[in-house]
Amino acid sequence: MDLPTVAEAYFEADRHNDLNAMLAVFSDNASVMDEGTRHEGAAAIRGWWTAAKAKYHHVAIPTETVIAGEEILVRATVTGRFPNSPATLNYAFTVKQGKIINLEIG
């Protein structure tokens, strides 16, 4: 599958549990919406990602991509320590100047 560079970097960092690489793809004032909670800014995103990895031990593998301007929509199969694993989740990235400014997971 042909993922845009920033989305590929996000999923690679996630797959390798690389916090620094994960944070590098986000703008300083980015936000993430996951499980009904919004996490804004680098410190909040760091806390969200670290807590989610510790809780779920998950890995997301992209299966489909749609690109529409600054929006990148990715469907991924997510496996981990949670009920009904694996699950299919949608990742909606908004990108500006090569950085993620918003990510919604659902």
PDB file of N, CA and C in Angstrom:
ATOM      1  N   MET A   1       0.839  -1.175   0.000  1.00  0.00           N
ATOM      2  CA  MET A   1       0.000   0.000   0.000  1.00  0.00           C
ATOM      3  C   MET A   1       0.887   1.241   0.000  1.00  0.00           C
ATOM      4  N   ASP A   2       0.432   2.264  -0.673  1.00  0.00           N
ATOM      5  CA  ASP A   2       1.200   3.501  -0.797  1.00  0.00           C
ATOM      6  C   ASP A   2       0.678   4.547   0.192  1.00  0.00           C
ATOM      7  N   LEU A   3       1.339   4.656   1.341  1.00  0.00           N
ATOM      8  CA  LEU A   3       0.967   5.641   2.356  1.00  0.00           C
ATOM      9  C   LEU A   3       1.773   6.913   2.165  1.00  0.00           C
ATOM     10  N   PRO A   4       1.169   8.080   2.383  1.00  0.00           N
ATOM     11  CA  PRO A   4       1.966   9.310   2.412  1.00  0.00           C
ATOM     12  C   PRO A   4       3.028   9.206   3.508  1.00  0.00           C
ATOM     13  N   THR A   5       4.131   9.888   3.322  1.00  0.00           N
ATOM     14  CA  THR A   5       5.294   9.785   4.196  1.00  0.00           C
ATOM     15  C   THR A   5       4.948   9.970   5.670  1.00  0.00           C
ATOM     16  N   VAL A   6       4.178  10.981   5.997  1.00  0.00           N
ATOM     17  CA  VAL A   6       3.881  11.268   7.407  1.00  0.00           C
ATOM     18  C   VAL A   6       3.046  10.152   8.032  1.00  0.00           C
ATOM     19  N   ALA A   7       2.090   9.592   7.305  1.00  0.00           N
ATOM     20  CA  ALA A   7       1.287   8.485   7.832  1.00  0.00           C
ATOM     21  C   ALA A   7       2.138   7.230   7.963  1.00  0.00           C
ATOM     22  N   GLU A   8       2.989   6.984   6.992  1.00  0.00           N
ATOM     23  CA  GLU A   8       3.889   5.830   7.075  1.00  0.00           C
ATOM     24  C   GLU A   8       4.801   5.947   8.288  1.00  0.00           C
ATOM     25  N   ALA A   9       5.335   7.159   8.536  1.00  0.00           N
ATOM     26  CA  ALA A   9       6.208   7.378   9.693  1.00  0.00           C
ATOM     27  C   ALA A   9       5.442   7.152  11.000  1.00  0.00           C
ATOM     28  N   TYR A  10       4.181   7.575  11.055  1.00  0.00           N
ATOM     29  CA  TYR A  10       3.356   7.363  12.247  1.00  0.00           C
ATOM     30  C   TYR A  10       3.210   5.869  12.537  1.00  0.00           C
ATOM     31  N   PHE A  11       2.806   5.102  11.531  1.00  0.00           N
ATOM     32  CA  PHE A  11       2.577   3.670  11.743  1.00  0.00           C
ATOM     33  C   PHE A  11       3.881   2.918  12.000  1.00  0.00           C
ATOM     34  N   GLU A  12       4.973   3.337  11.388  1.00  0.00           N
ATOM     35  CA  GLU A  12       6.277   2.706  11.654  1.00  0.00           C
ATOM     36  C   GLU A  12       6.713   2.966  13.096  1.00  0.00           C
ATOM     37  N   ALA A  13       6.572   4.201  13.562  1.00  0.00           N
ATOM     38  CA  ALA A  13       6.930   4.529  14.946  1.00  0.00           C
ATOM     39  C   ALA A  13       6.065   3.729  15.913  1.00  0.00           C
ATOM     40  N   ASP A  14       4.766   3.625  15.603  1.00  0.00           N
ATOM     41  CA  ASP A  14       3.858   2.861  16.444  1.00  0.00           C
ATOM     42  C   ASP A  14       4.258   1.395  16.475  1.00  0.00           C
ATOM     43  N   ARG A  15       4.564   0.834  15.314  1.00  0.00           N
ATOM     44  CA  ARG A  15       4.923  -0.584  15.214  1.00  0.00           C
ATOM     45  C   ARG A  15       6.201  -0.904  15.981  1.00  0.00           C
ATOM     46  N   HIS A  16       7.140   0.058  16.004  1.00  0.00           N
ATOM     47  CA  HIS A  16       8.438  -0.167  16.666  1.00  0.00           C
ATOM     48  C   HIS A  16       8.486   0.400  18.086  1.00  0.00           C
ATOM     49  N   ASN A  17       7.335   0.865  18.587  1.00  0.00           N
ATOM     50  CA  ASN A  17       7.263   1.438  19.941  1.00  0.00           C
ATOM     51  C   ASN A  17       8.297   2.542  20.142  1.00  0.00           C
ATOM     52  N   ASP A  18       8.434   3.401  19.144  1.00  0.00           N
ATOM     53  CA  ASP A  18       9.447   4.455  19.152  1.00  0.00           C
ATOM     54  C   ASP A  18       8.786   5.801  19.459  1.00  0.00           C
ATOM     55  N   LEU A  19       8.773   6.164  20.730  1.00  0.00           N
ATOM     56  CA  LEU A  19       8.111   7.388  21.171  1.00  0.00           C
ATOM     57  C   LEU A  19       8.677   8.626  20.492  1.00  0.00           C
ATOM     58  N   ASN A  20       9.993   8.747  20.405  1.00  0.00           N
ATOM     59  CA  ASN A  20      10.586   9.938  19.796  1.00  0.00           C
ATOM     60  C   ASN A  20      10.213  10.077  18.325  1.00  0.00           C
ATOM     61  N   ALA A  21      10.222   8.961  17.592  1.00  0.00           N
ATOM     62  CA  ALA A  21       9.808   9.000  16.188  1.00  0.00           C
ATOM     63  C   ALA A  21       8.329   9.345  16.075  1.00  0.00           C
ATOM     64  N   MET A  22       7.532   8.839  17.011  1.00  0.00           N
ATOM     65  CA  MET A  22       6.099   9.146  17.015  1.00  0.00           C
ATOM     66  C   MET A  22       5.874  10.644  17.199  1.00  0.00           C
ATOM     67  N   LEU A  23       6.521  11.214  18.192  1.00  0.00           N
ATOM     68  CA  LEU A  23       6.332  12.645  18.456  1.00  0.00           C
ATOM     69  C   LEU A  23       6.846  13.512  17.317  1.00  0.00           C
ATOM     70  N   ALA A  24       7.846  13.039  16.604  1.00  0.00           N
ATOM     71  CA  ALA A  24       8.447  13.821  15.516  1.00  0.00           C
ATOM     72  C   ALA A  24       7.486  14.067  14.361  1.00  0.00           C
ATOM     73  N   VAL A  25       6.462  13.243  14.188  1.00  0.00           N
ATOM     74  CA  VAL A  25       5.540  13.424  13.069  1.00  0.00           C
ATOM     75  C   VAL A  25       4.423  14.417  13.382  1.00  0.00           C
ATOM     76  N   PHE A  26       4.289  14.822  14.644  1.00  0.00           N
ATOM     77  CA  PHE A  26       3.249  15.761  15.052  1.00  0.00           C
ATOM     78  C   PHE A  26       3.797  17.183  15.131  1.00  0.00           C
ATOM     79  N   SER A  27       2.954  18.164  14.788  1.00  0.00           N
ATOM     80  CA  SER A  27       3.318  19.557  15.024  1.00  0.00           C
ATOM     81  C   SER A  27       3.276  19.802  16.535  1.00  0.00           C
ATOM     82  N   ASP A  28       3.892  20.881  16.979  1.00  0.00           N
ATOM     83  CA  ASP A  28       3.968  21.170  18.413  1.00  0.00           C
ATOM     84  C   ASP A  28       2.596  21.356  19.063  1.00  0.00           C
ATOM     85  N   ASN A  29       1.643  21.877  18.306  1.00  0.00           N
ATOM     86  CA  ASN A  29       0.313  22.143  18.874  1.00  0.00           C
ATOM     87  C   ASN A  29      -0.743  21.180  18.316  1.00  0.00           C
ATOM     88  N   ALA A  30      -0.330  19.989  17.936  1.00  0.00           N
ATOM     89  CA  ALA A  30      -1.245  18.994  17.376  1.00  0.00           C
ATOM     90  C   ALA A  30      -2.228  18.498  18.420  1.00  0.00           C
ATOM     91  N   SER A  31      -3.280  17.837  17.932  1.00  0.00           N
ATOM     92  CA  SER A  31      -4.227  17.202  18.839  1.00  0.00           C
ATOM     93  C   SER A  31      -4.570  15.802  18.319  1.00  0.00           C
ATOM     94  N   VAL A  32      -4.915  14.953  19.271  1.00  0.00           N
ATOM     95  CA  VAL A  32      -5.327  13.579  18.973  1.00  0.00           C
ATOM     96  C   VAL A  32      -6.646  13.333  19.694  1.00  0.00           C
ATOM     97  N   MET A  33      -7.618  12.785  18.962  1.00  0.00           N
ATOM     98  CA  MET A  33      -8.888  12.369  19.562  1.00  0.00           C
ATOM     99  C   MET A  33      -8.928  10.850  19.508  1.00  0.00           C
ATOM    100  N   ASP A  34      -8.993  10.221  20.681  1.00  0.00           N
ATOM    101  CA  ASP A  34      -9.018   8.764  20.764  1.00  0.00           C
ATOM    102  C   ASP A  34      -9.854   8.362  21.967  1.00  0.00           C
ATOM    103  N   GLU A  35     -10.700   7.390  21.792  1.00  0.00           N
ATOM    104  CA  GLU A  35     -11.564   6.888  22.862  1.00  0.00           C
ATOM    105  C   GLU A  35     -12.353   8.007  23.535  1.00  0.00           C
ATOM    106  N   GLY A  36     -12.805   8.967  22.724  1.00  0.00           N
ATOM    107  CA  GLY A  36     -13.652  10.042  23.223  1.00  0.00           C
ATOM    108  C   GLY A  36     -12.934  11.149  23.975  1.00  0.00           C
ATOM    109  N   THR A  37     -11.614  11.128  23.989  1.00  0.00           N
ATOM    110  CA  THR A  37     -10.844  12.154  24.700  1.00  0.00           C
ATOM    111  C   THR A  37      -9.879  12.832  23.747  1.00  0.00           C
ATOM    112  N   ARG A  38      -9.812  14.158  23.851  1.00  0.00           N
ATOM    113  CA  ARG A  38      -8.884  14.933  23.027  1.00  0.00           C
ATOM    114  C   ARG A  38      -7.617  15.210  23.833  1.00  0.00           C
ATOM    115  N   HIS A  39      -6.473  15.002  23.187  1.00  0.00           N
ATOM    116  CA  HIS A  39      -5.156  15.225  23.782  1.00  0.00           C
ATOM    117  C   HIS A  39      -4.481  16.302  22.934  1.00  0.00           C
ATOM    118  N   GLU A  40      -4.176  17.448  23.553  1.00  0.00           N
ATOM    119  CA  GLU A  40      -3.640  18.586  22.800  1.00  0.00           C
ATOM    120  C   GLU A  40      -2.232  18.932  23.246  1.00  0.00           C
ATOM    121  N   GLY A  41      -1.336  19.066  22.266  1.00  0.00           N
ATOM    122  CA  GLY A  41       0.045  19.441  22.529  1.00  0.00           C
ATOM    123  C   GLY A  41       0.933  18.227  22.733  1.00  0.00           C
ATOM    124  N   ALA A  42       2.237  18.449  22.606  1.00  0.00           N
ATOM    125  CA  ALA A  42       3.224  17.364  22.643  1.00  0.00           C
ATOM    126  C   ALA A  42       3.190  16.583  23.956  1.00  0.00           C
ATOM    127  N   ALA A  43       3.081  17.269  25.088  1.00  0.00           N
ATOM    128  CA  ALA A  43       3.084  16.566  26.378  1.00  0.00           C
ATOM    129  C   ALA A  43       1.861  15.661  26.513  1.00  0.00           C
ATOM    130  N   ALA A  44       0.706  16.152  26.102  1.00  0.00           N
ATOM    131  CA  ALA A  44      -0.519  15.351  26.187  1.00  0.00           C
ATOM    132  C   ALA A  44      -0.474  14.167  25.224  1.00  0.00           C
ATOM    133  N   ILE A  45       0.064  14.377  24.028  1.00  0.00           N
ATOM    134  CA  ILE A  45       0.179  13.287  23.057  1.00  0.00           C
ATOM    135  C   ILE A  45       1.166  12.242  23.563  1.00  0.00           C
ATOM    136  N   ARG A  46       2.244  12.680  24.156  1.00  0.00           N
ATOM    137  CA  ARG A  46       3.213  11.745  24.758  1.00  0.00           C
ATOM    138  C   ARG A  46       2.519  10.883  25.815  1.00  0.00           C
ATOM    139  N   GLY A  47       1.759  11.515  26.703  1.00  0.00           N
ATOM    140  CA  GLY A  47       1.055  10.788  27.755  1.00  0.00           C
ATOM    141  C   GLY A  47       0.016   9.826  27.204  1.00  0.00           C
ATOM    142  N   TRP A  48      -0.749  10.274  26.197  1.00  0.00           N
ATOM    143  CA  TRP A  48      -1.762   9.417  25.564  1.00  0.00           C
ATOM    144  C   TRP A  48      -1.119   8.174  24.959  1.00  0.00           C
ATOM    145  N   TRP A  49      -0.088   8.371  24.162  1.00  0.00           N
ATOM    146  CA  TRP A  49       0.526   7.255  23.440  1.00  0.00           C
ATOM    147  C   TRP A  49       1.182   6.270  24.412  1.00  0.00           C
ATOM    148  N   THR A  50       1.896   6.795  25.400  1.00  0.00           N
ATOM    149  CA  THR A  50       2.574   5.948  26.376  1.00  0.00           C
ATOM    150  C   THR A  50       1.554   5.120  27.171  1.00  0.00           C
ATOM    151  N   ALA A  51       0.481   5.746  27.615  1.00  0.00           N
ATOM    152  CA  ALA A  51      -0.549   5.040  28.385  1.00  0.00           C
ATOM    153  C   ALA A  51      -1.260   3.990  27.526  1.00  0.00           C
ATOM    154  N   ALA A  52      -1.571   4.332  26.283  1.00  0.00           N
ATOM    155  CA  ALA A  52      -2.254   3.377  25.400  1.00  0.00           C
ATOM    156  C   ALA A  52      -1.375   2.165  25.119  1.00  0.00           C
ATOM    157  N   LYS A  53      -0.092   2.385  24.866  1.00  0.00           N
ATOM    158  CA  LYS A  53       0.827   1.269  24.611  1.00  0.00           C
ATOM    159  C   LYS A  53       0.947   0.373  25.843  1.00  0.00           C
ATOM    160  N   ALA A  54       1.042   0.972  27.027  1.00  0.00           N
ATOM    161  CA  ALA A  54       1.162   0.195  28.265  1.00  0.00           C
ATOM    162  C   ALA A  54      -0.106  -0.615  28.531  1.00  0.00           C
ATOM    163  N   LYS A  55      -1.261  -0.033  28.236  1.00  0.00           N
ATOM    164  CA  LYS A  55      -2.533  -0.685  28.513  1.00  0.00           C
ATOM    165  C   LYS A  55      -2.879  -1.775  27.495  1.00  0.00           C
ATOM    166  N   TYR A  56      -2.690  -1.470  26.194  1.00  0.00           N
ATOM    167  CA  TYR A  56      -3.191  -2.361  25.146  1.00  0.00           C
ATOM    168  C   TYR A  56      -2.115  -3.172  24.424  1.00  0.00           C
ATOM    169  N   HIS A  57      -0.872  -2.762  24.502  1.00  0.00           N
ATOM    170  CA  HIS A  57       0.214  -3.454  23.777  1.00  0.00           C
ATOM    171  C   HIS A  57      -0.192  -3.683  22.320  1.00  0.00           C
ATOM    172  N   HIS A  58      -0.693  -2.643  21.700  1.00  0.00           N
ATOM    173  CA  HIS A  58      -1.296  -2.764  20.379  1.00  0.00           C
ATOM    174  C   HIS A  58      -0.328  -2.465  19.235  1.00  0.00           C
ATOM    175  N   VAL A  59      -0.709  -2.977  18.080  1.00  0.00           N
ATOM    176  CA  VAL A  59      -0.006  -2.687  16.828  1.00  0.00           C
ATOM    177  C   VAL A  59      -1.074  -2.457  15.767  1.00  0.00           C
ATOM    178  N   ALA A  60      -0.910  -1.390  14.983  1.00  0.00           N
ATOM    179  CA  ALA A  60      -1.856  -1.058  13.919  1.00  0.00           C
ATOM    180  C   ALA A  60      -1.189  -1.282  12.564  1.00  0.00           C
ATOM    181  N   ILE A  61      -1.848  -2.053  11.711  1.00  0.00           N
ATOM    182  CA  ILE A  61      -1.337  -2.335  10.378  1.00  0.00           C
ATOM    183  C   ILE A  61      -2.312  -1.719   9.362  1.00  0.00           C
ATOM    184  N   PRO A  62      -1.868  -0.709   8.616  1.00  0.00           N
ATOM    185  CA  PRO A  62      -2.746  -0.073   7.625  1.00  0.00           C
ATOM    186  C   PRO A  62      -3.182  -1.060   6.545  1.00  0.00           C
ATOM    187  N   THR A  63      -4.458  -0.943   6.145  1.00  0.00           N
ATOM    188  CA  THR A  63      -4.985  -1.808   5.091  1.00  0.00           C
ATOM    189  C   THR A  63      -5.558  -1.035   3.913  1.00  0.00           C
ATOM    190  N   GLU A  64      -6.007   0.196   4.141  1.00  0.00           N
ATOM    191  CA  GLU A  64      -6.572   1.035   3.071  1.00  0.00           C
ATOM    192  C   GLU A  64      -6.221   2.495   3.334  1.00  0.00           C
ATOM    193  N   THR A  65      -6.059   3.254   2.247  1.00  0.00           N
ATOM    194  CA  THR A  65      -5.766   4.683   2.373  1.00  0.00           C
ATOM    195  C   THR A  65      -6.566   5.475   1.341  1.00  0.00           C
ATOM    196  N   VAL A  66      -7.100   6.626   1.781  1.00  0.00           N
ATOM    197  CA  VAL A  66      -7.746   7.583   0.887  1.00  0.00           C
ATOM    198  C   VAL A  66      -7.141   8.942   1.206  1.00  0.00           C
ATOM    199  N   ILE A  67      -6.712   9.665   0.170  1.00  0.00           N
ATOM    200  CA  ILE A  67      -6.118  10.988   0.365  1.00  0.00           C
ATOM    201  C   ILE A  67      -7.047  12.022  -0.256  1.00  0.00           C
ATOM    202  N   ALA A  68      -7.365  13.051   0.527  1.00  0.00           N
ATOM    203  CA  ALA A  68      -8.225  14.130   0.057  1.00  0.00           C
ATOM    204  C   ALA A  68      -7.645  15.448   0.552  1.00  0.00           C
ATOM    205  N   GLY A  69      -6.802  16.077  -0.248  1.00  0.00           N
ATOM    206  CA  GLY A  69      -6.169  17.332   0.148  1.00  0.00           C
ATOM    207  C   GLY A  69      -5.235  17.124   1.318  1.00  0.00           C
ATOM    208  N   GLU A  70      -5.498  17.847   2.411  1.00  0.00           N
ATOM    209  CA  GLU A  70      -4.671  17.717   3.617  1.00  0.00           C
ATOM    210  C   GLU A  70      -5.131  16.577   4.519  1.00  0.00           C
ATOM    211  N   GLU A  71      -6.163  15.862   4.109  1.00  0.00           N
ATOM    212  CA  GLU A  71      -6.709  14.758   4.895  1.00  0.00           C
ATOM    213  C   GLU A  71      -6.172  13.427   4.363  1.00  0.00           C
ATOM    214  N   ILE A  72      -5.745  12.585   5.282  1.00  0.00           N
ATOM    215  CA  ILE A  72      -5.333  11.224   4.958  1.00  0.00           C
ATOM    216  C   ILE A  72      -6.194  10.306   5.814  1.00  0.00           C
ATOM    217  N   LEU A  73      -6.978   9.476   5.168  1.00  0.00           N
ATOM    218  CA  LEU A  73      -7.841   8.548   5.880  1.00  0.00           C
ATOM    219  C   LEU A  73      -7.259   7.153   5.713  1.00  0.00           C
ATOM    220  N   VAL A  74      -6.997   6.505   6.834  1.00  0.00           N
ATOM    221  CA  VAL A  74      -6.378   5.184   6.813  1.00  0.00           C
ATOM    222  C   VAL A  74      -7.232   4.235   7.640  1.00  0.00           C
ATOM    223  N   ARG A  75      -7.542   3.104   7.055  1.00  0.00           N
ATOM    224  CA  ARG A  75      -8.188   2.020   7.796  1.00  0.00           C
ATOM    225  C   ARG A  75      -7.075   1.055   8.183  1.00  0.00           C
ATOM    226  N   ALA A  76      -7.085   0.612   9.444  1.00  0.00           N
ATOM    227  CA  ALA A  76      -6.020  -0.271   9.930  1.00  0.00           C
ATOM    228  C   ALA A  76      -6.596  -1.391  10.773  1.00  0.00           C
ATOM    229  N   THR A  77      -5.927  -2.521  10.725  1.00  0.00           N
ATOM    230  CA  THR A  77      -6.246  -3.634  11.603  1.00  0.00           C
ATOM    231  C   THR A  77      -5.370  -3.486  12.843  1.00  0.00           C
ATOM    232  N   VAL A  78      -6.008  -3.422  14.002  1.00  0.00           N
ATOM    233  CA  VAL A  78      -5.294  -3.207  15.258  1.00  0.00           C
ATOM    234  C   VAL A  78      -5.422  -4.473  16.107  1.00  0.00           C
ATOM    235  N   THR A  79      -4.263  -4.997  16.498  1.00  0.00           N
ATOM    236  CA  THR A  79      -4.242  -6.157  17.384  1.00  0.00           C
ATOM    237  C   THR A  79      -3.579  -5.754  18.699  1.00  0.00           C
ATOM    238  N   GLY A  80      -3.995  -6.389  19.763  1.00  0.00           N
ATOM    239  CA  GLY A  80      -3.408  -6.084  21.063  1.00  0.00           C
ATOM    240  C   GLY A  80      -4.176  -6.776  22.168  1.00  0.00           C
ATOM    241  N   ARG A  81      -3.943  -6.320  23.385  1.00  0.00           N
ATOM    242  CA  ARG A  81      -4.588  -6.883  24.571  1.00  0.00           C
ATOM    243  C   ARG A  81      -5.844  -6.082  24.895  1.00  0.00           C
ATOM    244  N   PHE A  82      -6.891  -6.337  24.131  1.00  0.00           N
ATOM    245  CA  PHE A  82      -8.178  -5.697  24.371  1.00  0.00           C
ATOM    246  C   PHE A  82      -9.268  -6.622  23.834  1.00  0.00           C
ATOM    247  N   PRO A  83     -10.488  -6.487  24.360  1.00  0.00           N
ATOM    248  CA  PRO A  83     -11.586  -7.346  23.904  1.00  0.00           C
ATOM    249  C   PRO A  83     -11.808  -7.215  22.396  1.00  0.00           C
ATOM    250  N   ASN A  84     -12.152  -8.312  21.771  1.00  0.00           N
ATOM    251  CA  ASN A  84     -12.452  -8.369  20.336  1.00  0.00           C
ATOM    252  C   ASN A  84     -11.262  -8.067  19.438  1.00  0.00           C
ATOM    253  N   SER A  85     -10.048  -8.242  19.934  1.00  0.00           N
ATOM    254  CA  SER A  85      -8.863  -8.064  19.095  1.00  0.00           C
ATOM    255  C   SER A  85      -8.808  -9.222  18.103  1.00  0.00           C
ATOM    256  N   PRO A  86      -8.504  -8.938  16.848  1.00  0.00           N
ATOM    257  CA  PRO A  86      -8.176  -7.648  16.256  1.00  0.00           C
ATOM    258  C   PRO A  86      -9.432  -6.841  15.924  1.00  0.00           C
ATOM    259  N   ALA A  87      -9.238  -5.540  15.804  1.00  0.00           N
ATOM    260  CA  ALA A  87     -10.317  -4.624  15.449  1.00  0.00           C
ATOM    261  C   ALA A  87      -9.887  -3.781  14.259  1.00  0.00           C
ATOM    262  N   THR A  88     -10.859  -3.307  13.501  1.00  0.00           N
ATOM    263  CA  THR A  88     -10.580  -2.389  12.406  1.00  0.00           C
ATOM    264  C   THR A  88     -10.902  -0.985  12.886  1.00  0.00           C
ATOM    265  N   LEU A  89      -9.906  -0.100  12.816  1.00  0.00           N
ATOM    266  CA  LEU A  89     -10.091   1.292  13.224  1.00  0.00           C
ATOM    267  C   LEU A  89      -9.775   2.220  12.065  1.00  0.00           C
ATOM    268  N   ASN A  90     -10.400   3.394  12.100  1.00  0.00           N
ATOM    269  CA  ASN A  90     -10.138   4.429  11.105  1.00  0.00           C
ATOM    270  C   ASN A  90      -9.274   5.514  11.730  1.00  0.00           C
ATOM    271  N   TYR A  91      -8.256   5.927  11.000  1.00  0.00           N
ATOM    272  CA  TYR A  91      -7.344   6.990  11.406  1.00  0.00           C
ATOM    273  C   TYR A  91      -7.526   8.137  10.425  1.00  0.00           C
ATOM    274  N   ALA A  92      -7.957   9.295  10.913  1.00  0.00           N
ATOM    275  CA  ALA A  92      -8.142  10.471  10.072  1.00  0.00           C
ATOM    276  C   ALA A  92      -7.072  11.488  10.439  1.00  0.00           C
ATOM    277  N   PHE A  93      -6.078  11.620   9.568  1.00  0.00           N
ATOM    278  CA  PHE A  93      -4.972  12.546   9.769  1.00  0.00           C
ATOM    279  C   PHE A  93      -5.260  13.849   9.033  1.00  0.00           C
ATOM    280  N   THR A  94      -4.994  14.973   9.684  1.00  0.00           N
ATOM    281  CA  THR A  94      -4.945  16.257   9.004  1.00  0.00           C
ATOM    282  C   THR A  94      -3.488  16.700   9.057  1.00  0.00           C
ATOM    283  N   VAL A  95      -2.939  17.032   7.879  1.00  0.00           N
ATOM    284  CA  VAL A  95      -1.508  17.311   7.768  1.00  0.00           C
ATOM    285  C   VAL A  95      -1.298  18.703   7.185  1.00  0.00           C
ATOM    286  N   LYS A  96      -0.358  19.426   7.763  1.00  0.00           N
ATOM    287  CA  LYS A  96       0.087  20.726   7.227  1.00  0.00           C
ATOM    288  C   LYS A  96       1.593  20.772   7.286  1.00  0.00           C
ATOM    289  N   GLN A  97       2.195  21.176   6.185  1.00  0.00           N
ATOM    290  CA  GLN A  97       3.650  21.313   6.088  1.00  0.00           C
ATOM    291  C   GLN A  97       4.378  20.044   6.553  1.00  0.00           C
ATOM    292  N   GLY A  98       3.833  18.885   6.185  1.00  0.00           N
ATOM    293  CA  GLY A  98       4.495  17.624   6.473  1.00  0.00           C
ATOM    294  C   GLY A  98       4.378  17.115   7.899  1.00  0.00           C
ATOM    295  N   LYS A  99       3.547  17.755   8.723  1.00  0.00           N
ATOM    296  CA  LYS A  99       3.355  17.339  10.114  1.00  0.00           C
ATOM    297  C   LYS A  99       1.878  17.101  10.381  1.00  0.00           C
ATOM    298  N   ILE A 100       1.588  16.171  11.278  1.00  0.00           N
ATOM    299  CA  ILE A 100       0.211  15.919  11.678  1.00  0.00           C
ATOM    300  C   ILE A 100      -0.225  17.044  12.617  1.00  0.00           C
ATOM    301  N   ILE A 101      -1.332  17.697  12.263  1.00  0.00           N
ATOM    302  CA  ILE A 101      -1.881  18.725  13.154  1.00  0.00           C
ATOM    303  C   ILE A 101      -3.104  18.205  13.903  1.00  0.00           C
ATOM    304  N   ASN A 102      -3.727  17.151  13.364  1.00  0.00           N
ATOM    305  CA  ASN A 102      -4.865  16.540  14.032  1.00  0.00           C
ATOM    306  C   ASN A 102      -4.961  15.075  13.620  1.00  0.00           C
ATOM    307  N   LEU A 103      -5.283  14.230  14.584  1.00  0.00           N
ATOM    308  CA  LEU A 103      -5.505  12.813  14.331  1.00  0.00           C
ATOM    309  C   LEU A 103      -6.730  12.393  15.108  1.00  0.00           C
ATOM    310  N   GLU A 104      -7.672  11.771  14.405  1.00  0.00           N
ATOM    311  CA  GLU A 104      -8.855  11.217  15.057  1.00  0.00           C
ATOM    312  C   GLU A 104      -8.881   9.730  14.782  1.00  0.00           C
ATOM    313  N   ILE A 105      -8.999   8.952  15.855  1.00  0.00           N
ATOM    314  CA  ILE A 105      -9.002   7.495  15.758  1.00  0.00           C
ATOM    315  C   ILE A 105     -10.353   6.995  16.222  1.00  0.00           C
ATOM    316  N   GLY A 106     -10.968   6.147  15.402  1.00  0.00           N
ATOM    317  CA  GLY A 106     -12.268   5.614  15.795  1.00  0.00           C
ATOM    318  C   GLY A 106     -12.695   4.474  14.920  1.00  0.00           C
TER     319      GLY A 106
END
